[in-house]
Amino acid sequence: MVRNIVEKYPLQSPLIINNRTAARAQSFAATFPPSKVTPVTTLEAVSAASIIITCVADDAAIRTTIDSILSYSPSPTLFIDCSTVHPSTTASISALVIAAGHKFVAMPVFGAPAMADAGALVCVPAGPRSSVELALPFAHAVGRSAEHTPEL
């Protein structure tokens, strides 16, 4: 997903990336020019972003990630969560993010790693239409289709 965002989205500054395994983020970032991607080791650095995209493996990981980012009191931003997690988890993190003054779009992505590499993931953005409209350029960068679903 990151590679497609870097290649297809008109970034105004380097994309900040974080992985719970710092070495993975650093080695992945090394495949890009430094002007395109900046790896960071803490979520505090991520909290400075105007758009935060998350994609983690499970419900516990997304809860921990969102709680950590929110603990740094980021400026108002758009959160786009691409994790495929239980709907109640999505609803609870959405409520936390919105209560903290941010916008939230749930945008699970579907497809095998080869589809991700090819920018052919199926993206399913859900949330307030105004927030989804902000997320669609990212959906189009990583996916071959983006279907908007009504608010949760």
C-alpha atoms as a PDB file:
ATOM      1  CA  MET A   1       0.000   0.000   0.000  1.00  0.00           C
ATOM      2  CA  VAL A   2       2.773   2.433   0.911  1.00  0.00           C
ATOM      3  CA  ARG A   3       4.515   2.015  -2.439  1.00  0.00           C
ATOM      4  CA  ASN A   4       1.297   2.796  -4.308  1.00  0.00           C
ATOM      5  CA  ILE A   5       0.571   5.845  -2.158  1.00  0.00           C
ATOM      6  CA  VAL A   6       4.090   7.163  -2.791  1.00  0.00           C
ATOM      7  CA  GLU A   7       3.824   6.530  -6.535  1.00  0.00           C
ATOM      8  CA  LYS A   8       0.210   7.591  -7.151  1.00  0.00           C
ATOM      9  CA  TYR A   9      -0.736  10.178  -4.523  1.00  0.00           C
ATOM     10  CA  PRO A  10       0.571  13.755  -4.881  1.00  0.00           C
ATOM     11  CA  LEU A  11       2.467  13.935  -1.586  1.00  0.00           C
ATOM     12  CA  GLN A  12       3.387  17.419  -0.365  1.00  0.00           C
ATOM     13  CA  SER A  13       6.036  16.055   1.995  1.00  0.00           C
ATOM     14  CA  PRO A  14       7.625  12.673   2.715  1.00  0.00           C
ATOM     15  CA  LEU A  15       5.259   9.934   3.803  1.00  0.00           C
ATOM     16  CA  ILE A  16       5.885   9.091   7.464  1.00  0.00           C
ATOM     17  CA  ILE A  17       5.809   5.339   8.076  1.00  0.00           C
ATOM     18  CA  ASN A  18       5.853   3.350  11.282  1.00  0.00           C
ATOM     19  CA  ASN A  19       5.824  -0.355  11.960  1.00  0.00           C
ATOM     20  CA  ARG A  20       5.653  -2.012  15.370  1.00  0.00           C
ATOM     21  CA  THR A  21       8.906  -3.665  14.275  1.00  0.00           C
ATOM     22  CA  ALA A  22      11.122  -0.623  13.673  1.00  0.00           C
ATOM     23  CA  ALA A  23      13.637  -2.546  11.551  1.00  0.00           C
ATOM     24  CA  ARG A  24      10.895  -3.417   9.059  1.00  0.00           C
ATOM     25  CA  ALA A  25       9.934   0.230   8.612  1.00  0.00           C
ATOM     26  CA  GLN A  26      13.565   1.260   8.217  1.00  0.00           C
ATOM     27  CA  SER A  27      14.446  -1.433   5.688  1.00  0.00           C
ATOM     28  CA  PHE A  28      11.279  -0.747   3.695  1.00  0.00           C
ATOM     29  CA  ALA A  29      11.908   3.011   3.717  1.00  0.00           C
ATOM     30  CA  ALA A  30      15.413   2.373   2.373  1.00  0.00           C
ATOM     31  CA  THR A  31      13.818   1.221  -0.897  1.00  0.00           C
ATOM     32  CA  PHE A  32      12.616   4.796  -1.537  1.00  0.00           C
ATOM     33  CA  PRO A  33      14.440   8.096  -1.966  1.00  0.00           C
ATOM     34  CA  PRO A  34      14.600   9.932   1.409  1.00  0.00           C
ATOM     35  CA  SER A  35      12.476  12.730  -0.066  1.00  0.00           C
ATOM     36  CA  LYS A  36       9.582  10.289  -0.446  1.00  0.00           C
ATOM     37  CA  VAL A  37       9.452   8.261   2.805  1.00  0.00           C
ATOM     38  CA  THR A  38      10.555   8.892   6.388  1.00  0.00           C
ATOM     39  CA  PRO A  39      10.558   5.969   8.837  1.00  0.00           C
ATOM     40  CA  VAL A  40       9.825   6.794  12.467  1.00  0.00           C
ATOM     41  CA  THR A  41      10.131   4.636  15.536  1.00  0.00           C
ATOM     42  CA  THR A  42       7.402   6.171  17.683  1.00  0.00           C
ATOM     43  CA  LEU A  43       3.756   6.943  17.159  1.00  0.00           C
ATOM     44  CA  GLU A  44       4.426  10.392  18.607  1.00  0.00           C
ATOM     45  CA  ALA A  45       6.034  11.306  15.277  1.00  0.00           C
ATOM     46  CA  VAL A  46       3.024   9.917  13.408  1.00  0.00           C
ATOM     47  CA  SER A  47       0.681  12.079  15.479  1.00  0.00           C
ATOM     48  CA  ALA A  48       1.987  15.194  13.676  1.00  0.00           C
ATOM     49  CA  ALA A  49       0.509  14.019  10.359  1.00  0.00           C
ATOM     50  CA  SER A  50      -2.603  15.579   8.841  1.00  0.00           C
ATOM     51  CA  ILE A  51      -3.770  12.155   7.628  1.00  0.00           C
ATOM     52  CA  ILE A  52      -3.053   8.937   9.517  1.00  0.00           C
ATOM     53  CA  ILE A  53      -3.584   5.613   7.767  1.00  0.00           C
ATOM     54  CA  THR A  54      -3.490   2.455   9.864  1.00  0.00           C
ATOM     55  CA  CYS A  55      -3.488  -1.162   8.756  1.00  0.00           C
ATOM     56  CA  VAL A  56      -2.765  -3.746  11.420  1.00  0.00           C
ATOM     57  CA  ALA A  57      -3.360  -7.450  11.916  1.00  0.00           C
ATOM     58  CA  ASP A  58      -6.041  -7.629  14.587  1.00  0.00           C
ATOM     59  CA  ASP A  59      -8.465  -5.916  16.942  1.00  0.00           C
ATOM     60  CA  ALA A  60      -6.037  -5.612  19.864  1.00  0.00           C
ATOM     61  CA  ALA A  61      -3.355  -4.073  17.657  1.00  0.00           C
ATOM     62  CA  ILE A  62      -5.644  -1.375  16.242  1.00  0.00           C
ATOM     63  CA  ARG A  63      -6.959  -0.476  19.702  1.00  0.00           C
ATOM     64  CA  THR A  64      -3.408  -0.146  21.032  1.00  0.00           C
ATOM     65  CA  THR A  65      -2.277   1.851  18.000  1.00  0.00           C
ATOM     66  CA  ILE A  66      -5.191   4.309  18.116  1.00  0.00           C
ATOM     67  CA  ASP A  67      -4.898   4.741  21.903  1.00  0.00           C
ATOM     68  CA  SER A  68      -1.189   5.441  21.530  1.00  0.00           C
ATOM     69  CA  ILE A  69      -1.611   8.006  18.749  1.00  0.00           C
ATOM     70  CA  LEU A  70      -4.420   9.776  20.617  1.00  0.00           C
ATOM     71  CA  SER A  71      -2.288   9.920  23.781  1.00  0.00           C
ATOM     72  CA  TYR A  72      -0.039  12.419  21.961  1.00  0.00           C
ATOM     73  CA  SER A  73      -2.995  14.786  21.391  1.00  0.00           C
ATOM     74  CA  PRO A  74      -2.475  15.197  17.663  1.00  0.00           C
ATOM     75  CA  SER A  75      -3.831  18.203  15.798  1.00  0.00           C
ATOM     76  CA  PRO A  76      -7.190  17.571  14.158  1.00  0.00           C
ATOM     77  CA  THR A  77      -6.616  15.017  11.445  1.00  0.00           C
ATOM     78  CA  LEU A  78      -8.237  12.373   9.291  1.00  0.00           C
ATOM     79  CA  PHE A  79      -7.802   8.789  10.488  1.00  0.00           C
ATOM     80  CA  ILE A  80      -8.240   6.096   7.828  1.00  0.00           C
ATOM     81  CA  ASP A  81      -8.207   2.565   9.216  1.00  0.00           C
ATOM     82  CA  CYS A  82      -7.602  -0.143   6.621  1.00  0.00           C
ATOM     83  CA  SER A  83      -7.516  -3.013   9.109  1.00  0.00           C
ATOM     84  CA  THR A  84     -10.026  -5.814   8.720  1.00  0.00           C
ATOM     85  CA  VAL A  85     -11.348  -6.087  12.266  1.00  0.00           C
ATOM     86  CA  HIS A  86     -14.629  -6.779  14.053  1.00  0.00           C
ATOM     87  CA  PRO A  87     -17.314  -4.143  13.428  1.00  0.00           C
ATOM     88  CA  SER A  88     -17.612  -3.426  17.171  1.00  0.00           C
ATOM     89  CA  THR A  89     -13.883  -2.636  17.258  1.00  0.00           C
ATOM     90  CA  THR A  90     -14.268  -0.263  14.333  1.00  0.00           C
ATOM     91  CA  ALA A  91     -17.222   1.416  16.041  1.00  0.00           C
ATOM     92  CA  SER A  92     -15.314   1.852  19.308  1.00  0.00           C
ATOM     93  CA  ILE A  93     -12.165   3.296  17.725  1.00  0.00           C
ATOM     94  CA  SER A  94     -14.291   5.529  15.515  1.00  0.00           C
ATOM     95  CA  ALA A  95     -16.033   6.892  18.609  1.00  0.00           C
ATOM     96  CA  LEU A  96     -12.677   7.516  20.336  1.00  0.00           C
ATOM     97  CA  VAL A  97     -11.215   9.312  17.331  1.00  0.00           C
ATOM     98  CA  ILE A  98     -14.293  11.461  16.745  1.00  0.00           C
ATOM     99  CA  ALA A  99     -14.622  12.293  20.462  1.00  0.00           C
ATOM    100  CA  ALA A 100     -11.017  13.557  20.329  1.00  0.00           C
ATOM    101  CA  GLY A 101     -11.969  15.986  17.546  1.00  0.00           C
ATOM    102  CA  HIS A 102     -10.812  14.067  14.477  1.00  0.00           C
ATOM    103  CA  LYS A 103     -12.437  12.585  11.381  1.00  0.00           C
ATOM    104  CA  PHE A 104     -12.579   8.815  10.919  1.00  0.00           C
ATOM    105  CA  VAL A 105     -13.064   6.543   7.924  1.00  0.00           C
ATOM    106  CA  ALA A 106     -13.144   2.776   8.216  1.00  0.00           C
ATOM    107  CA  MET A 107     -11.686   1.476   4.965  1.00  0.00           C
ATOM    108  CA  PRO A 108     -10.927  -2.242   5.145  1.00  0.00           C
ATOM    109  CA  VAL A 109      -8.974  -3.484   2.170  1.00  0.00           C
ATOM    110  CA  PHE A 110      -9.252  -6.906   0.612  1.00  0.00           C
ATOM    111  CA  GLY A 111      -6.798  -8.781  -1.570  1.00  0.00           C
ATOM    112  CA  ALA A 112      -3.688 -10.919  -1.600  1.00  0.00           C
ATOM    113  CA  PRO A 113      -0.201  -9.397  -1.283  1.00  0.00           C
ATOM    114  CA  ALA A 114       0.203  -9.496  -5.084  1.00  0.00           C
ATOM    115  CA  MET A 115      -2.973  -7.398  -5.398  1.00  0.00           C
ATOM    116  CA  ALA A 116      -1.561  -4.903  -2.899  1.00  0.00           C
ATOM    117  CA  ASP A 117       1.671  -4.687  -4.888  1.00  0.00           C
ATOM    118  CA  ALA A 118      -0.301  -4.107  -8.083  1.00  0.00           C
ATOM    119  CA  GLY A 119      -2.510  -1.418  -6.534  1.00  0.00           C
ATOM    120  CA  ALA A 120      -5.534  -3.648  -7.043  1.00  0.00           C
ATOM    121  CA  LEU A 121      -6.917  -3.997  -3.522  1.00  0.00           C
ATOM    122  CA  VAL A 122     -10.659  -3.682  -3.051  1.00  0.00           C
ATOM    123  CA  CYS A 123     -11.270  -0.752  -0.705  1.00  0.00           C
ATOM    124  CA  VAL A 124     -14.525  -0.314   1.191  1.00  0.00           C
ATOM    125  CA  PRO A 125     -14.616   3.152   2.794  1.00  0.00           C
ATOM    126  CA  ALA A 126     -17.348   3.840   5.343  1.00  0.00           C
ATOM    127  CA  GLY A 127     -18.126   6.896   7.396  1.00  0.00           C
ATOM    128  CA  PRO A 128     -19.501  10.393   6.969  1.00  0.00           C
ATOM    129  CA  ARG A 129     -19.541  11.282   3.279  1.00  0.00           C
ATOM    130  CA  SER A 130     -17.368  14.380   3.824  1.00  0.00           C
ATOM    131  CA  SER A 131     -14.672  12.248   5.482  1.00  0.00           C
ATOM    132  CA  VAL A 132     -14.929   9.485   2.878  1.00  0.00           C
ATOM    133  CA  GLU A 133     -14.436  12.064   0.123  1.00  0.00           C
ATOM    134  CA  LEU A 134     -11.103  12.971   1.750  1.00  0.00           C
ATOM    135  CA  ALA A 135     -10.096   9.302   1.894  1.00  0.00           C
ATOM    136  CA  LEU A 136     -10.999   8.386  -1.690  1.00  0.00           C
ATOM    137  CA  PRO A 137      -7.723   9.586  -3.274  1.00  0.00           C
ATOM    138  CA  PHE A 138      -5.892   7.100  -1.049  1.00  0.00           C
ATOM    139  CA  ALA A 139      -8.367   4.363  -1.951  1.00  0.00           C
ATOM    140  CA  HIS A 140      -7.761   5.025  -5.627  1.00  0.00           C
ATOM    141  CA  ALA A 141      -3.985   4.919  -5.088  1.00  0.00           C
ATOM    142  CA  VAL A 142      -4.062   1.465  -3.469  1.00  0.00           C
ATOM    143  CA  GLY A 143      -7.132  -0.109  -5.020  1.00  0.00           C
ATOM    144  CA  ARG A 144      -8.809  -0.918  -8.264  1.00  0.00           C
ATOM    145  CA  SER A 145     -12.203  -0.087  -6.826  1.00  0.00           C
ATOM    146  CA  ALA A 146     -13.544   1.896  -3.969  1.00  0.00           C
ATOM    147  CA  GLU A 147     -17.075   1.337  -2.830  1.00  0.00           C
ATOM    148  CA  HIS A 148     -18.546   3.837  -0.366  1.00  0.00           C
ATOM    149  CA  THR A 149     -20.839   2.394   2.256  1.00  0.00           C
ATOM    150  CA  PRO A 150     -23.157   4.576   4.321  1.00  0.00           C
ATOM    151  CA  GLU A 151     -22.260   5.822   7.765  1.00  0.00           C
ATOM    152  CA  LEU A 152     -21.920   3.175  10.460  1.00  0.00           C
END
